[in-house]
N, C-alpha and C. Protein backbone atom coordinates (compact mmCIF):
# COMPACT_ATOMS: atom_id res chain seq x y z
N VAL A 1 18.84 -48.04 3.95
CA VAL A 1 19.14 -48.87 2.80
C VAL A 1 18.00 -48.76 1.78
N SER A 2 16.76 -48.85 2.26
CA SER A 2 15.62 -48.81 1.35
C SER A 2 15.46 -47.46 0.69
N ALA A 3 15.80 -46.39 1.37
CA ALA A 3 15.66 -45.05 0.79
C ALA A 3 16.77 -44.77 -0.22
N TRP A 4 17.93 -45.35 -0.04
CA TRP A 4 19.10 -45.08 -0.87
C TRP A 4 19.17 -46.02 -2.07
N LEU A 5 18.76 -47.25 -1.89
CA LEU A 5 18.91 -48.30 -2.90
C LEU A 5 18.26 -47.99 -4.25
N PRO A 6 17.04 -47.44 -4.32
CA PRO A 6 16.43 -47.20 -5.63
C PRO A 6 17.23 -46.26 -6.53
N PHE A 7 18.07 -45.43 -5.96
CA PHE A 7 18.82 -44.47 -6.76
C PHE A 7 20.15 -45.04 -7.29
N LEU A 8 20.45 -46.29 -6.96
CA LEU A 8 21.68 -46.92 -7.42
C LEU A 8 21.54 -47.62 -8.76
N SER A 9 20.34 -48.07 -9.06
CA SER A 9 20.15 -48.88 -10.25
C SER A 9 18.78 -48.62 -10.84
N SER A 10 18.71 -48.58 -12.15
CA SER A 10 17.41 -48.38 -12.80
C SER A 10 16.50 -49.59 -12.57
N HIS A 11 17.09 -50.78 -12.46
CA HIS A 11 16.30 -51.98 -12.17
C HIS A 11 15.63 -51.86 -10.80
N VAL A 12 16.39 -51.43 -9.81
CA VAL A 12 15.84 -51.29 -8.46
C VAL A 12 14.82 -50.16 -8.43
N MET A 13 15.09 -49.07 -9.12
CA MET A 13 14.15 -47.95 -9.20
C MET A 13 12.82 -48.43 -9.78
N ALA A 14 12.90 -49.22 -10.85
CA ALA A 14 11.69 -49.75 -11.46
C ALA A 14 10.96 -50.68 -10.50
N ARG A 15 11.70 -51.49 -9.78
CA ARG A 15 11.09 -52.42 -8.82
C ARG A 15 10.32 -51.66 -7.74
N TRP A 16 10.85 -50.55 -7.28
CA TRP A 16 10.23 -49.79 -6.20
C TRP A 16 9.06 -48.93 -6.67
N PHE A 17 9.15 -48.34 -7.85
CA PHE A 17 8.19 -47.29 -8.20
C PHE A 17 7.24 -47.63 -9.33
N GLU A 18 7.33 -48.81 -9.92
CA GLU A 18 6.41 -49.18 -10.98
C GLU A 18 5.40 -50.20 -10.49
N HIS A 19 4.25 -50.22 -11.16
CA HIS A 19 3.20 -51.22 -10.93
C HIS A 19 2.68 -51.24 -9.50
N GLY A 20 2.67 -50.13 -8.82
CA GLY A 20 2.13 -50.08 -7.47
C GLY A 20 2.99 -50.74 -6.41
N ASN A 21 4.21 -51.11 -6.74
CA ASN A 21 5.08 -51.75 -5.75
C ASN A 21 5.42 -50.83 -4.59
N PHE A 22 5.41 -49.53 -4.84
CA PHE A 22 5.78 -48.58 -3.79
C PHE A 22 4.92 -48.78 -2.54
N TRP A 23 3.63 -49.02 -2.73
CA TRP A 23 2.73 -49.17 -1.58
C TRP A 23 2.99 -50.46 -0.82
N TRP A 24 3.49 -51.48 -1.51
CA TRP A 24 3.82 -52.74 -0.85
C TRP A 24 5.19 -52.69 -0.17
N LEU A 25 6.11 -51.92 -0.75
CA LEU A 25 7.48 -51.88 -0.22
C LEU A 25 7.72 -50.74 0.76
N SER A 26 6.89 -49.70 0.73
CA SER A 26 7.13 -48.53 1.58
C SER A 26 7.07 -48.79 3.09
N PRO A 27 6.35 -49.80 3.58
CA PRO A 27 6.39 -50.03 5.03
C PRO A 27 7.78 -50.33 5.57
N ILE A 28 8.66 -50.91 4.75
CA ILE A 28 10.00 -51.25 5.24
C ILE A 28 10.79 -50.00 5.63
N PRO A 29 10.96 -49.00 4.74
CA PRO A 29 11.69 -47.80 5.18
C PRO A 29 10.95 -47.01 6.25
N LEU A 30 9.61 -47.05 6.23
CA LEU A 30 8.86 -46.35 7.28
C LEU A 30 9.08 -46.99 8.65
N MET A 31 9.06 -48.33 8.69
CA MET A 31 9.33 -49.02 9.95
C MET A 31 10.77 -48.78 10.41
N THR A 32 11.70 -48.77 9.46
CA THR A 32 13.10 -48.51 9.81
C THR A 32 13.25 -47.13 10.41
N ALA A 33 12.60 -46.14 9.82
CA ALA A 33 12.67 -44.77 10.36
C ALA A 33 12.04 -44.70 11.74
N ALA A 34 10.92 -45.39 11.94
CA ALA A 34 10.26 -45.39 13.25
C ALA A 34 11.15 -46.05 14.31
N VAL A 35 11.78 -47.15 13.96
CA VAL A 35 12.67 -47.83 14.91
C VAL A 35 13.90 -46.97 15.21
N ALA A 36 14.45 -46.32 14.18
CA ALA A 36 15.60 -45.44 14.39
C ALA A 36 15.23 -44.27 15.30
N LEU A 37 14.05 -43.71 15.11
CA LEU A 37 13.58 -42.62 15.98
C LEU A 37 13.40 -43.11 17.42
N ALA A 38 12.83 -44.30 17.57
CA ALA A 38 12.66 -44.87 18.91
C ALA A 38 14.01 -45.11 19.57
N LEU A 39 14.98 -45.56 18.80
CA LEU A 39 16.33 -45.78 19.34
C LEU A 39 16.96 -44.46 19.76
N TRP A 40 16.82 -43.46 18.92
CA TRP A 40 17.40 -42.14 19.22
C TRP A 40 16.74 -41.51 20.44
N ARG A 41 15.42 -41.58 20.51
CA ARG A 41 14.70 -40.99 21.64
C ARG A 41 14.87 -41.79 22.92
N GLY A 42 14.98 -43.10 22.79
CA GLY A 42 15.04 -43.94 23.97
C GLY A 42 16.43 -44.26 24.44
N SER A 43 17.44 -43.69 23.81
CA SER A 43 18.81 -44.05 24.17
C SER A 43 19.19 -43.57 25.56
N ASP A 44 18.53 -42.54 26.07
CA ASP A 44 18.86 -42.04 27.40
C ASP A 44 17.78 -42.38 28.43
N SER A 45 16.86 -43.24 28.07
CA SER A 45 15.78 -43.58 29.00
C SER A 45 16.25 -44.63 30.00
N SER A 46 15.43 -44.86 30.97
CA SER A 46 15.77 -45.83 32.01
C SER A 46 15.19 -47.21 31.71
N ARG A 47 14.87 -47.46 30.46
CA ARG A 47 14.36 -48.77 30.09
C ARG A 47 15.44 -49.83 30.25
N SER A 48 15.07 -51.02 29.94
CA SER A 48 15.99 -52.15 30.04
C SER A 48 17.23 -51.94 29.18
N ASP A 49 18.33 -52.54 29.62
CA ASP A 49 19.57 -52.48 28.85
C ASP A 49 19.43 -53.20 27.51
N ALA A 50 18.47 -54.09 27.41
CA ALA A 50 18.27 -54.83 26.16
C ALA A 50 17.58 -53.99 25.10
N TRP A 51 16.89 -52.93 25.49
CA TRP A 51 16.11 -52.12 24.56
C TRP A 51 16.95 -51.56 23.40
N PRO A 52 18.08 -50.89 23.63
CA PRO A 52 18.88 -50.40 22.50
C PRO A 52 19.39 -51.53 21.60
N PHE A 53 19.74 -52.65 22.21
CA PHE A 53 20.20 -53.79 21.42
C PHE A 53 19.10 -54.31 20.51
N LEU A 54 17.90 -54.47 21.05
CA LEU A 54 16.79 -54.98 20.26
C LEU A 54 16.41 -54.02 19.13
N LEU A 55 16.43 -52.72 19.41
CA LEU A 55 16.12 -51.74 18.37
C LEU A 55 17.20 -51.72 17.29
N THR A 56 18.45 -51.83 17.68
CA THR A 56 19.54 -51.89 16.70
C THR A 56 19.43 -53.15 15.85
N LEU A 57 19.09 -54.26 16.48
CA LEU A 57 18.87 -55.50 15.75
C LEU A 57 17.72 -55.34 14.76
N ALA A 58 16.66 -54.68 15.17
CA ALA A 58 15.51 -54.44 14.28
C ALA A 58 15.92 -53.59 13.08
N ILE A 59 16.75 -52.57 13.30
CA ILE A 59 17.22 -51.73 12.19
C ILE A 59 18.03 -52.57 11.20
N PHE A 60 18.90 -53.43 11.72
CA PHE A 60 19.70 -54.29 10.85
C PHE A 60 18.81 -55.22 10.03
N VAL A 61 17.85 -55.87 10.69
CA VAL A 61 16.97 -56.82 10.00
C VAL A 61 16.12 -56.10 8.95
N LEU A 62 15.56 -54.94 9.31
CA LEU A 62 14.76 -54.18 8.35
C LEU A 62 15.61 -53.70 7.17
N GLY A 63 16.85 -53.30 7.44
CA GLY A 63 17.74 -52.90 6.35
C GLY A 63 18.03 -54.05 5.41
N PHE A 64 18.25 -55.23 5.98
CA PHE A 64 18.50 -56.41 5.16
C PHE A 64 17.27 -56.78 4.34
N ILE A 65 16.10 -56.73 4.97
CA ILE A 65 14.86 -57.03 4.25
C ILE A 65 14.65 -56.03 3.12
N GLY A 66 14.90 -54.75 3.38
CA GLY A 66 14.78 -53.73 2.34
C GLY A 66 15.74 -53.98 1.19
N LEU A 67 16.94 -54.41 1.50
CA LEU A 67 17.94 -54.71 0.47
C LEU A 67 17.48 -55.88 -0.39
N VAL A 68 17.04 -56.94 0.24
CA VAL A 68 16.61 -58.14 -0.50
C VAL A 68 15.36 -57.85 -1.32
N LEU A 69 14.35 -57.22 -0.71
CA LEU A 69 13.12 -56.93 -1.45
C LEU A 69 13.35 -55.96 -2.59
N GLY A 70 14.23 -55.01 -2.39
CA GLY A 70 14.49 -54.03 -3.43
C GLY A 70 15.21 -54.59 -4.63
N MET A 71 16.01 -55.62 -4.43
CA MET A 71 16.83 -56.16 -5.52
C MET A 71 16.29 -57.47 -6.08
N TRP A 72 15.35 -58.11 -5.40
CA TRP A 72 14.87 -59.44 -5.76
C TRP A 72 14.42 -59.50 -7.20
N PRO A 73 14.69 -60.52 -7.98
CA PRO A 73 15.50 -61.69 -7.68
C PRO A 73 16.97 -61.51 -8.07
N TYR A 74 17.36 -60.30 -8.43
CA TYR A 74 18.73 -60.05 -8.88
C TYR A 74 19.61 -59.65 -7.70
N LEU A 75 19.99 -60.63 -6.89
CA LEU A 75 20.77 -60.33 -5.68
C LEU A 75 22.23 -60.04 -5.98
N VAL A 76 22.71 -60.49 -7.14
CA VAL A 76 24.04 -60.11 -7.60
C VAL A 76 23.76 -59.17 -8.77
N PRO A 77 23.61 -57.88 -8.49
CA PRO A 77 22.99 -56.96 -9.46
C PRO A 77 23.80 -56.81 -10.72
N PRO A 78 23.14 -56.50 -11.80
CA PRO A 78 21.76 -56.92 -12.10
C PRO A 78 21.75 -58.08 -13.07
N SER A 79 22.85 -58.78 -13.19
CA SER A 79 22.94 -59.77 -14.27
C SER A 79 22.60 -61.20 -13.86
N TYR A 80 22.67 -61.54 -12.59
CA TYR A 80 22.41 -62.90 -12.16
C TYR A 80 21.23 -62.94 -11.21
N THR A 81 20.41 -63.96 -11.36
CA THR A 81 19.38 -64.19 -10.35
C THR A 81 20.03 -64.97 -9.21
N ILE A 82 19.32 -65.09 -8.13
CA ILE A 82 19.85 -65.82 -6.98
C ILE A 82 20.09 -67.29 -7.34
N TRP A 83 19.28 -67.84 -8.24
CA TRP A 83 19.43 -69.25 -8.61
C TRP A 83 20.64 -69.45 -9.52
N GLN A 84 20.95 -68.46 -10.36
CA GLN A 84 22.13 -68.56 -11.22
C GLN A 84 23.42 -68.40 -10.40
N ALA A 85 23.38 -67.60 -9.36
CA ALA A 85 24.57 -67.35 -8.55
C ALA A 85 24.82 -68.44 -7.52
N ALA A 86 23.82 -69.26 -7.24
CA ALA A 86 23.96 -70.30 -6.23
C ALA A 86 24.86 -71.43 -6.72
N SER A 87 25.51 -72.07 -5.77
CA SER A 87 26.34 -73.22 -6.11
C SER A 87 25.42 -74.41 -6.41
N PRO A 88 25.96 -75.46 -7.02
CA PRO A 88 25.15 -76.63 -7.32
C PRO A 88 24.58 -77.26 -6.05
N SER A 89 23.46 -77.93 -6.19
CA SER A 89 22.80 -78.56 -5.04
C SER A 89 23.71 -79.54 -4.33
N SER A 90 24.52 -80.26 -5.08
CA SER A 90 25.40 -81.25 -4.46
C SER A 90 26.39 -80.60 -3.50
N SER A 91 26.85 -79.39 -3.81
CA SER A 91 27.79 -78.74 -2.90
C SER A 91 27.07 -78.00 -1.77
N GLN A 92 25.77 -77.81 -1.87
CA GLN A 92 25.01 -77.20 -0.78
C GLN A 92 24.62 -78.24 0.27
N ILE A 93 24.55 -79.49 -0.13
CA ILE A 93 24.16 -80.56 0.80
C ILE A 93 25.22 -80.79 1.87
N PHE A 94 26.49 -80.71 1.51
CA PHE A 94 27.58 -80.97 2.46
C PHE A 94 27.51 -80.05 3.69
N PRO A 95 27.47 -78.72 3.54
CA PRO A 95 27.38 -77.90 4.75
C PRO A 95 26.02 -78.03 5.45
N MET A 96 24.98 -78.40 4.71
CA MET A 96 23.67 -78.57 5.34
C MET A 96 23.69 -79.73 6.32
N VAL A 97 24.41 -80.79 5.99
CA VAL A 97 24.53 -81.93 6.91
C VAL A 97 25.22 -81.47 8.19
N GLY A 98 26.30 -80.70 8.06
CA GLY A 98 26.99 -80.18 9.24
C GLY A 98 26.09 -79.27 10.05
N LEU A 99 25.30 -78.45 9.39
CA LEU A 99 24.39 -77.55 10.08
C LEU A 99 23.32 -78.32 10.84
N VAL A 100 22.76 -79.33 10.21
CA VAL A 100 21.70 -80.12 10.84
C VAL A 100 22.23 -80.84 12.08
N VAL A 101 23.49 -81.26 12.06
CA VAL A 101 24.07 -81.97 13.20
C VAL A 101 24.55 -80.99 14.27
N LEU A 102 25.29 -79.96 13.88
CA LEU A 102 25.94 -79.08 14.86
C LEU A 102 25.03 -78.03 15.48
N LEU A 103 24.09 -77.49 14.73
CA LEU A 103 23.24 -76.44 15.28
C LEU A 103 22.43 -76.92 16.48
N PRO A 104 21.77 -78.07 16.43
CA PRO A 104 21.07 -78.54 17.63
C PRO A 104 22.01 -78.78 18.82
N LEU A 105 23.23 -79.26 18.54
CA LEU A 105 24.19 -79.46 19.63
C LEU A 105 24.58 -78.14 20.28
N VAL A 106 24.87 -77.13 19.49
CA VAL A 106 25.26 -75.82 20.03
C VAL A 106 24.09 -75.19 20.79
N LEU A 107 22.90 -75.23 20.21
CA LEU A 107 21.74 -74.67 20.90
C LEU A 107 21.43 -75.43 22.18
N GLY A 108 21.52 -76.74 22.14
CA GLY A 108 21.29 -77.55 23.33
C GLY A 108 22.30 -77.24 24.43
N TYR A 109 23.56 -77.13 24.07
CA TYR A 109 24.60 -76.80 25.05
C TYR A 109 24.37 -75.42 25.64
N THR A 110 23.96 -74.47 24.81
CA THR A 110 23.70 -73.11 25.30
C THR A 110 22.55 -73.12 26.30
N VAL A 111 21.46 -73.80 25.98
CA VAL A 111 20.32 -73.88 26.90
C VAL A 111 20.75 -74.56 28.19
N TRP A 112 21.48 -75.66 28.09
CA TRP A 112 21.94 -76.39 29.27
C TRP A 112 22.82 -75.49 30.15
N SER A 113 23.78 -74.76 29.54
CA SER A 113 24.68 -73.93 30.34
C SER A 113 23.93 -72.77 31.01
N TYR A 114 22.95 -72.21 30.34
CA TYR A 114 22.15 -71.16 30.98
C TYR A 114 21.38 -71.73 32.17
N ARG A 115 20.84 -72.93 32.03
CA ARG A 115 20.10 -73.53 33.14
C ARG A 115 21.03 -73.87 34.32
N VAL A 116 22.21 -74.36 34.02
CA VAL A 116 23.15 -74.72 35.08
C VAL A 116 23.60 -73.50 35.86
N PHE A 117 23.89 -72.40 35.17
CA PHE A 117 24.45 -71.23 35.84
C PHE A 117 23.40 -70.20 36.26
N ARG A 118 22.13 -70.45 35.98
CA ARG A 118 21.07 -69.52 36.37
C ARG A 118 20.96 -69.45 37.89
N GLY A 119 20.91 -68.22 38.39
CA GLY A 119 20.74 -68.02 39.82
C GLY A 119 21.99 -68.18 40.65
N LYS A 120 23.14 -68.34 40.06
CA LYS A 120 24.39 -68.54 40.81
C LYS A 120 24.96 -67.24 41.35
N ILE A 121 24.49 -66.11 40.85
CA ILE A 121 25.00 -64.82 41.30
C ILE A 121 23.81 -63.90 41.52
N THR A 122 23.92 -63.06 42.52
CA THR A 122 22.84 -62.11 42.80
C THR A 122 23.14 -60.76 42.18
N ALA A 123 22.12 -59.94 42.07
CA ALA A 123 22.26 -58.64 41.39
C ALA A 123 23.23 -57.71 42.12
N ASP A 124 23.35 -57.84 43.43
CA ASP A 124 24.20 -56.90 44.17
C ASP A 124 25.69 -57.18 44.00
N VAL A 125 26.07 -58.32 43.44
CA VAL A 125 27.50 -58.59 43.22
C VAL A 125 27.84 -58.72 41.74
N GLY A 126 26.89 -58.43 40.87
CA GLY A 126 27.13 -58.52 39.43
C GLY A 126 27.87 -57.31 38.89
N TYR A 127 28.01 -57.27 37.60
CA TYR A 127 28.73 -56.20 36.92
C TYR A 127 28.08 -54.84 37.10
N HIS A 128 26.79 -54.80 37.22
CA HIS A 128 26.07 -53.52 37.24
C HIS A 128 25.83 -52.99 38.65
N HIS A 129 26.54 -53.52 39.60
CA HIS A 129 26.38 -53.04 40.97
C HIS A 129 27.05 -51.68 41.11
N HIS A 130 26.29 -50.69 41.57
CA HIS A 130 26.83 -49.34 41.74
C HIS A 130 27.10 -49.09 43.22
N HIS A 131 28.27 -48.56 43.52
CA HIS A 131 28.65 -48.30 44.91
C HIS A 131 28.16 -46.97 45.37
């Protein structure tokens, strides 16, 4: 995303390559390339099953960060800033109340269910048991 984005818009190109911004922004595509290489090289290794998932998650997060940093503050390119595109504060408060109430409930239930079911099955009868 970071390597491709500057060539889509003159605003983004200016953001990346003027006033020394390149040195501040270049770690994002470099880290993305390093993570992609680690994913490619490690895809056949005997590491944990979580390793490819975590590396893929890192690529997604780095791509999103590169997108936001490359376009900031014009997230709806290039005519609106993020503040102009946002809904009024009064309409943002309503879902925030739901988030504040429901997110702790969902996270609490998830933690509780993991604790309740932890240790109920052994590795030899799980999904990854090889005959």
